[in-house]
Amino acid sequence: MKEHIRFARFDDIDNIMDFLKVHWNENHILATSKSMFEYQHVMGDKVNYIISELENKRITAVLGFIPYSLSDEPDIGFAIIRKDEQVASKIIGAQLLEFAQKSKFGYLVANGINPKIVPIFRFLRYPSVVKLKQFYILNDQVEEYKIAEVSHAIKFDFADDDARLEVSNEISEGSYNNLEQKGYYKDYWYFNHRYVNYPFYEYKCLKVIVKDELELILVTRVTTANDSKAIRIVDYIGNLRSIGRVKKALYDYLVESNSEYMDFYFYGDPKFEKYSGFKLRDEDDSNIIPNYFEPFVRANIEITSATTMSGEFHLCKADSDQDRPNSIQK
């Protein structure tokens, strides 16, 4: 039977959630929580899913996405792609992605993809398939690491900063719009909707102030496991090189929060380790800096991404929906 591909409508939401329940995970948050589904995927009268269906209206596959701005042709991050293995065509995944490519969107980002589907993005001529790199700072004041597994300690000794670090989610639209962005564009609405006003996690913004001017926002979230904490930098807006001007302040913030480490999954500037004070966790690093917390997994994790961006661009952990909860905390 022929499959028809279209954008979802509001009256499709229950059917999409039921589809995810059957063809992904019956307990997954996007299959069980309408509040989470609508917060992430509904904008006014738009439902940000692409679906394929048979003539009898049976859904055969879904592709969720998240717009990064309110513009008419926003850059977007894909959230989930799933199909009904029994009735969907073998190439329906590629067809959904191609539908998105031909629609009125800017850059496309697929973050946290299964390496097995990389050939689909190659087939669709995505110019960039990359792995995010994980950088970290250890709190060497910790007596016992309960989240990280530290086989070799790293001593951090930073000189005095020449910029100021402020912890505050209060950011004016004018200050935000003056910040540098390369590649995709995340507007002020997205930043507030995704981080400042997000109802499911608490994010804190670390602002780098240089000569009384905002130069960089680091979006962070504290994660917990085994009665311990870690600080995750999940996104940033602005001039990332400014992070090198607040090395000591970041380390002091880490120690004062009594967290084991601060980490940052990121793809972009190859010189980041040199100027930031963070250490790259590469294949030769025997330390384990966990990424999965729901449920907690004490292992190093690689994040693979595909995007239509090329040249000078960056990607962060929270792109697509890689920093959303797997369950609603009661």
Protein backbone atom coordinates (compact mmCIF):
# COMPACT_ATOMS: atom_id res chain seq x y z
CA MET A 1 0.00 0.00 0.00
CA LYS A 2 1.22 3.50 -0.81
CA GLU A 3 2.37 5.70 2.06
CA HIS A 4 1.53 9.40 2.18
CA ILE A 5 3.96 11.77 3.96
CA ARG A 6 2.75 15.01 5.55
CA PHE A 7 3.19 17.33 8.53
CA ALA A 8 1.24 16.26 11.60
CA ARG A 9 -1.81 18.12 12.88
CA PHE A 10 -3.06 18.65 16.41
CA ASP A 11 -5.57 15.81 16.08
CA ASP A 12 -2.68 13.43 15.30
CA ILE A 13 -1.03 13.79 18.72
CA ASP A 14 -2.79 10.91 20.47
CA ASN A 15 -2.13 8.60 17.52
CA ILE A 16 1.55 9.58 17.43
CA MET A 17 1.91 8.93 21.16
CA ASP A 18 0.20 5.55 20.77
CA PHE A 19 2.52 4.79 17.86
CA LEU A 20 5.57 5.56 20.00
CA LYS A 21 4.17 3.42 22.78
CA VAL A 22 3.90 0.42 20.47
CA HIS A 23 6.92 0.91 18.21
CA TRP A 24 9.44 2.46 20.60
CA ASN A 25 8.83 2.04 24.34
CA GLU A 26 5.51 1.86 26.14
CA ASN A 27 6.98 3.75 29.11
CA HIS A 28 8.84 6.41 27.18
CA ILE A 29 8.10 9.98 28.23
CA LEU A 30 6.95 11.07 24.75
CA ALA A 31 4.53 8.13 24.71
CA THR A 32 3.12 8.72 28.19
CA SER A 33 3.33 12.44 28.98
CA LYS A 34 1.19 14.72 26.84
CA SER A 35 2.56 17.75 28.68
CA MET A 36 6.11 16.80 27.68
CA PHE A 37 5.06 15.97 24.11
CA GLU A 38 3.23 19.27 23.64
CA TYR A 39 5.92 21.40 25.29
CA GLN A 40 8.57 19.93 23.01
CA HIS A 41 6.64 19.57 19.78
CA VAL A 42 3.65 21.94 19.67
CA MET A 43 3.98 25.60 18.62
CA GLY A 44 0.61 27.32 18.37
CA ASP A 45 -1.36 25.35 15.79
CA LYS A 46 1.73 23.50 14.53
CA VAL A 47 2.71 19.99 15.59
CA ASN A 48 6.37 19.48 14.81
CA TYR A 49 6.25 15.95 13.47
CA ILE A 50 6.39 14.54 9.99
CA ILE A 51 4.38 11.34 9.60
CA SER A 52 3.72 8.76 6.94
CA GLU A 53 0.39 6.98 6.76
CA LEU A 54 -1.54 4.49 4.66
CA GLU A 55 -4.81 5.25 2.90
CA ASN A 56 -6.67 3.94 5.95
CA LYS A 57 -4.85 6.59 8.08
CA ARG A 58 -2.66 4.03 9.85
CA ILE A 59 0.65 5.68 10.79
CA THR A 60 3.66 3.83 9.44
CA ALA A 61 6.52 6.11 10.58
CA VAL A 62 7.19 9.36 12.44
CA LEU A 63 9.93 11.97 12.49
CA GLY A 64 9.86 14.55 15.28
CA PHE A 65 11.72 17.84 15.11
CA ILE A 66 12.40 20.97 17.18
CA PRO A 67 12.63 24.43 15.56
CA TYR A 68 15.47 26.59 16.85
CA SER A 69 13.63 29.86 16.14
CA LEU A 70 10.30 31.43 15.27
CA SER A 71 11.43 32.39 11.77
CA ASP A 72 9.57 31.20 8.69
CA GLU A 73 12.47 28.91 7.74
CA PRO A 74 14.04 27.88 11.06
CA ASP A 75 17.04 25.66 11.58
CA ILE A 76 15.78 22.47 13.25
CA GLY A 77 17.00 19.55 15.31
CA PHE A 78 15.47 16.12 14.74
CA ALA A 79 14.12 14.47 17.88
CA ILE A 80 13.04 10.94 16.98
CA ILE A 81 12.57 8.76 13.94
CA ARG A 82 10.62 5.51 14.24
CA LYS A 83 8.75 3.18 11.92
CA ASP A 84 6.33 0.27 12.02
CA GLU A 85 8.58 -2.59 10.95
CA GLN A 86 5.62 -4.68 9.76
CA VAL A 87 4.02 -2.30 7.27
CA ALA A 88 6.41 0.58 6.59
CA SER A 89 8.55 0.49 3.47
CA LYS A 90 12.25 -0.17 3.95
CA ILE A 91 13.18 3.32 2.81
CA ILE A 92 10.53 5.28 4.70
CA GLY A 93 13.11 6.70 7.14
CA ALA A 94 15.10 8.20 4.29
CA GLN A 95 11.89 9.48 2.72
CA LEU A 96 10.84 11.29 5.90
CA LEU A 97 14.27 12.92 6.16
CA GLU A 98 14.15 13.85 2.49
CA PHE A 99 10.71 15.42 3.02
CA ALA A 100 12.28 17.61 5.73
CA GLN A 101 15.15 18.52 3.39
CA LYS A 102 12.71 19.71 0.75
CA SER A 103 10.59 21.68 3.23
CA LYS A 104 11.09 25.29 4.30
CA PHE A 105 13.79 24.74 6.89
CA GLY A 106 17.30 26.08 7.25
CA TYR A 107 20.03 23.83 8.63
CA LEU A 108 19.09 20.32 9.76
CA VAL A 109 20.68 18.67 12.80
CA ALA A 110 20.39 15.02 13.83
CA ASN A 111 22.19 14.69 17.16
CA GLY A 112 22.74 11.43 18.99
CA ILE A 113 22.02 9.17 16.03
CA ASN A 114 22.61 5.44 15.94
CA PRO A 115 25.80 4.86 13.93
CA LYS A 116 23.91 2.16 12.01
CA ILE A 117 21.82 4.80 10.22
CA VAL A 118 24.76 6.99 9.20
CA PRO A 119 24.54 5.57 5.62
CA ILE A 120 21.09 7.17 5.29
CA PHE A 121 22.54 10.61 5.94
CA ARG A 122 25.41 9.90 3.55
CA PHE A 123 22.84 8.89 0.91
CA LEU A 124 20.97 12.16 1.50
CA ARG A 125 24.26 14.04 0.96
CA TYR A 126 24.61 15.48 4.44
CA PRO A 127 28.03 17.17 4.27
CA SER A 128 28.90 16.60 7.93
CA VAL A 129 28.74 13.40 9.99
CA VAL A 130 30.78 13.92 13.15
CA LYS A 131 31.32 12.76 16.71
CA LEU A 132 30.96 15.21 19.56
CA LYS A 133 34.04 15.39 21.77
CA GLN A 134 33.73 15.25 25.54
CA PHE A 135 35.80 17.69 27.58
CA TYR A 136 35.90 17.82 31.36
CA ILE A 137 37.34 19.37 34.51
CA LEU A 138 37.68 17.17 37.60
CA ASN A 139 37.06 18.45 41.10
CA ASP A 140 40.29 17.26 42.70
CA GLN A 141 38.94 18.15 46.16
CA VAL A 142 36.57 15.17 46.05
CA GLU A 143 37.61 12.37 48.43
CA GLU A 144 35.59 9.63 46.70
CA TYR A 145 34.22 9.70 43.16
CA LYS A 146 30.82 7.99 43.03
CA ILE A 147 29.81 9.00 39.49
CA ALA A 148 33.10 9.28 37.61
CA GLU A 149 35.69 6.54 37.69
CA VAL A 150 39.05 8.24 38.09
CA SER A 151 42.11 6.10 37.51
CA HIS A 152 44.44 9.05 37.14
CA ALA A 153 43.92 12.36 38.91
CA ILE A 154 44.32 15.64 37.04
CA LYS A 155 45.51 18.69 38.92
CA PHE A 156 44.08 21.99 37.75
CA ASP A 157 45.92 25.17 38.69
CA PHE A 158 44.57 28.24 36.95
CA ALA A 159 45.88 31.79 36.98
CA ASP A 160 43.62 34.70 37.93
CA ASP A 161 40.84 35.50 35.46
CA ASP A 162 40.48 38.71 33.49
CA ALA A 163 36.71 38.41 33.09
CA ARG A 164 33.75 37.89 35.40
CA LEU A 165 31.51 34.82 35.79
CA GLU A 166 27.91 35.40 36.84
CA VAL A 167 25.32 32.75 37.63
CA SER A 168 22.03 34.17 36.43
CA ASN A 169 19.18 33.27 34.08
CA GLU A 170 18.28 36.93 33.65
CA ILE A 171 19.37 37.85 30.13
CA SER A 172 17.86 40.70 28.15
CA GLU A 173 16.81 40.20 24.56
CA GLY A 174 19.16 42.93 23.45
CA SER A 175 22.17 41.35 25.17
CA TYR A 176 21.25 37.95 23.78
CA ASN A 177 20.86 39.20 20.22
CA ASN A 178 24.33 40.77 20.34
CA LEU A 179 25.98 37.40 21.02
CA GLU A 180 27.94 35.65 18.28
CA GLN A 181 26.39 32.57 16.66
CA LYS A 182 27.98 30.44 13.93
CA GLY A 183 26.15 27.90 11.82
CA TYR A 184 22.61 27.38 13.07
CA TYR A 185 20.73 30.20 14.80
CA LYS A 186 18.91 29.81 18.13
CA ASP A 187 16.74 32.82 18.79
CA TYR A 188 15.76 34.42 22.11
CA TRP A 189 12.39 32.64 22.12
CA TYR A 190 14.06 29.22 21.74
CA PHE A 191 16.64 29.97 24.46
CA ASN A 192 13.95 30.90 26.97
CA HIS A 193 11.56 28.14 25.97
CA ARG A 194 14.24 25.44 25.99
CA TYR A 195 16.26 26.48 29.04
CA VAL A 196 15.11 29.43 31.13
CA ASN A 197 11.42 28.44 31.33
CA TYR A 198 11.85 24.68 30.85
CA PRO A 199 9.45 22.94 33.28
CA PHE A 200 11.12 19.52 33.39
CA TYR A 201 14.73 20.35 34.30
CA GLU A 202 16.40 23.24 36.09
CA TYR A 203 19.09 24.94 34.01
CA LYS A 204 21.52 27.56 35.23
CA CYS A 205 23.21 30.05 32.93
CA LEU A 206 26.84 30.92 33.57
CA LYS A 207 27.47 34.31 32.00
CA VAL A 208 30.95 35.45 31.01
CA ILE A 209 31.18 39.22 31.35
CA VAL A 210 34.11 41.05 29.73
CA LYS A 211 34.39 44.78 30.47
CA ASP A 212 30.73 44.85 31.52
CA GLU A 213 29.61 43.27 28.23
CA LEU A 214 28.03 39.81 27.96
CA GLU A 215 30.21 37.67 25.68
CA LEU A 216 29.19 34.09 26.42
CA ILE A 217 26.38 32.09 28.01
CA LEU A 218 27.12 28.55 29.18
CA VAL A 219 23.90 26.59 29.79
CA THR A 220 24.41 24.08 32.60
CA ARG A 221 22.45 21.43 34.44
CA VAL A 222 23.30 19.48 37.58
CA THR A 223 22.82 15.72 37.37
CA THR A 224 22.83 13.32 40.31
CA ALA A 225 23.62 9.65 40.91
CA ASN A 226 24.88 7.58 43.84
CA ASP A 227 24.38 10.50 46.25
CA SER A 228 26.75 12.66 44.23
CA LYS A 229 26.58 15.39 41.57
CA ALA A 230 28.07 16.45 38.24
CA ILE A 231 27.68 19.68 36.28
CA ARG A 232 26.94 19.35 32.57
CA ILE A 233 27.44 22.17 30.08
CA VAL A 234 24.75 21.32 27.52
CA ASP A 235 24.76 24.36 25.22
CA TYR A 236 26.32 27.76 24.72
CA ILE A 237 25.61 31.02 22.97
CA GLY A 238 28.33 33.57 22.18
CA ASN A 239 32.09 33.68 21.82
CA LEU A 240 33.28 30.33 23.20
CA ARG A 241 36.88 31.52 23.44
CA SER A 242 35.79 33.74 26.32
CA ILE A 243 35.61 30.61 28.47
CA GLY A 244 39.39 30.81 28.67
CA ARG A 245 39.06 34.08 30.58
CA VAL A 246 37.13 32.50 33.49
CA LYS A 247 39.01 29.22 34.03
CA LYS A 248 39.55 29.79 37.73
CA ALA A 249 35.98 30.96 38.31
CA LEU A 250 34.60 27.83 36.61
CA TYR A 251 36.87 25.59 38.69
CA ASP A 252 35.89 27.42 41.89
CA TYR A 253 32.21 27.11 40.95
CA LEU A 254 32.70 23.37 40.46
CA VAL A 255 34.40 22.96 43.85
CA GLU A 256 31.90 25.16 45.70
CA SER A 257 29.00 23.16 44.26
CA ASN A 258 30.61 19.98 45.61
CA SER A 259 30.22 18.32 42.20
CA GLU A 260 32.61 15.66 40.91
CA TYR A 261 33.23 17.17 37.50
CA MET A 262 32.04 19.60 34.88
CA ASP A 263 31.82 18.21 31.36
CA PHE A 264 30.98 19.51 27.92
CA TYR A 265 30.05 17.46 24.83
CA PHE A 266 30.87 19.69 21.90
CA TYR A 267 31.91 19.71 18.26
CA GLY A 268 33.55 22.77 16.76
CA ASP A 269 36.72 24.64 17.59
CA PRO A 270 39.68 22.20 17.41
CA LYS A 271 41.68 24.49 19.71
CA PHE A 272 39.11 24.36 22.53
CA GLU A 273 41.23 22.20 24.87
CA LYS A 274 44.19 24.54 24.52
CA TYR A 275 42.44 27.72 25.63
CA SER A 276 39.60 26.43 27.84
CA GLY A 277 41.41 24.56 30.59
CA PHE A 278 39.19 21.51 29.97
CA LYS A 279 40.72 18.12 29.25
CA LEU A 280 39.67 16.08 26.22
CA ARG A 281 38.43 12.60 27.06
CA ASP A 282 39.92 10.65 24.18
CA GLU A 283 40.42 6.93 23.56
CA ASP A 284 43.65 6.98 25.57
CA ASP A 285 41.97 8.44 28.66
CA SER A 286 41.23 5.71 31.20
CA ASN A 287 38.94 7.96 33.27
CA ILE A 288 35.20 7.33 32.94
CA ILE A 289 33.05 10.46 32.69
CA PRO A 290 29.43 9.20 32.45
CA ASN A 291 26.82 10.68 30.14
CA TYR A 292 23.73 8.55 30.88
CA PHE A 293 21.88 9.30 34.13
CA GLU A 294 18.28 8.13 33.41
CA PRO A 295 19.09 5.36 34.16
CA PHE A 296 22.65 5.90 35.35
CA VAL A 297 25.34 4.07 33.35
CA ARG A 298 28.95 4.29 34.48
CA ALA A 299 30.54 4.27 31.06
CA ASN A 300 32.04 6.60 28.49
CA ILE A 301 29.58 7.32 25.69
CA GLU A 302 30.17 8.53 22.13
CA ILE A 303 27.63 10.87 20.50
CA THR A 304 27.36 10.77 16.70
CA SER A 305 25.69 13.59 14.78
CA ALA A 306 24.78 14.45 11.20
CA THR A 307 24.01 17.94 9.91
CA THR A 308 23.58 19.88 6.72
CA MET A 309 25.95 22.50 8.14
CA SER A 310 29.51 22.57 6.85
CA GLY A 311 32.55 24.77 7.27
CA GLU A 312 32.63 26.65 10.57
CA PHE A 313 29.86 25.40 12.87
CA HIS A 314 29.35 23.81 16.25
CA LEU A 315 27.12 21.22 17.91
CA CYS A 316 26.37 20.67 21.60
CA LYS A 317 24.94 17.91 23.77
CA ALA A 318 21.45 19.42 24.05
CA ASP A 319 20.96 19.71 20.27
CA SER A 320 17.95 17.82 18.93
CA ASP A 321 16.41 16.40 22.13
CA GLN A 322 19.52 14.90 23.70
CA ASP A 323 19.00 16.63 27.05
CA ARG A 324 15.40 15.90 27.82
CA PRO A 325 14.15 13.64 30.64
CA ASN A 326 13.29 10.00 30.06
CA SER A 327 10.64 10.14 32.77
CA ILE A 328 8.67 12.75 34.71
CA GLN A 329 10.14 13.17 38.19
CA LYS A 330 7.47 12.97 40.88
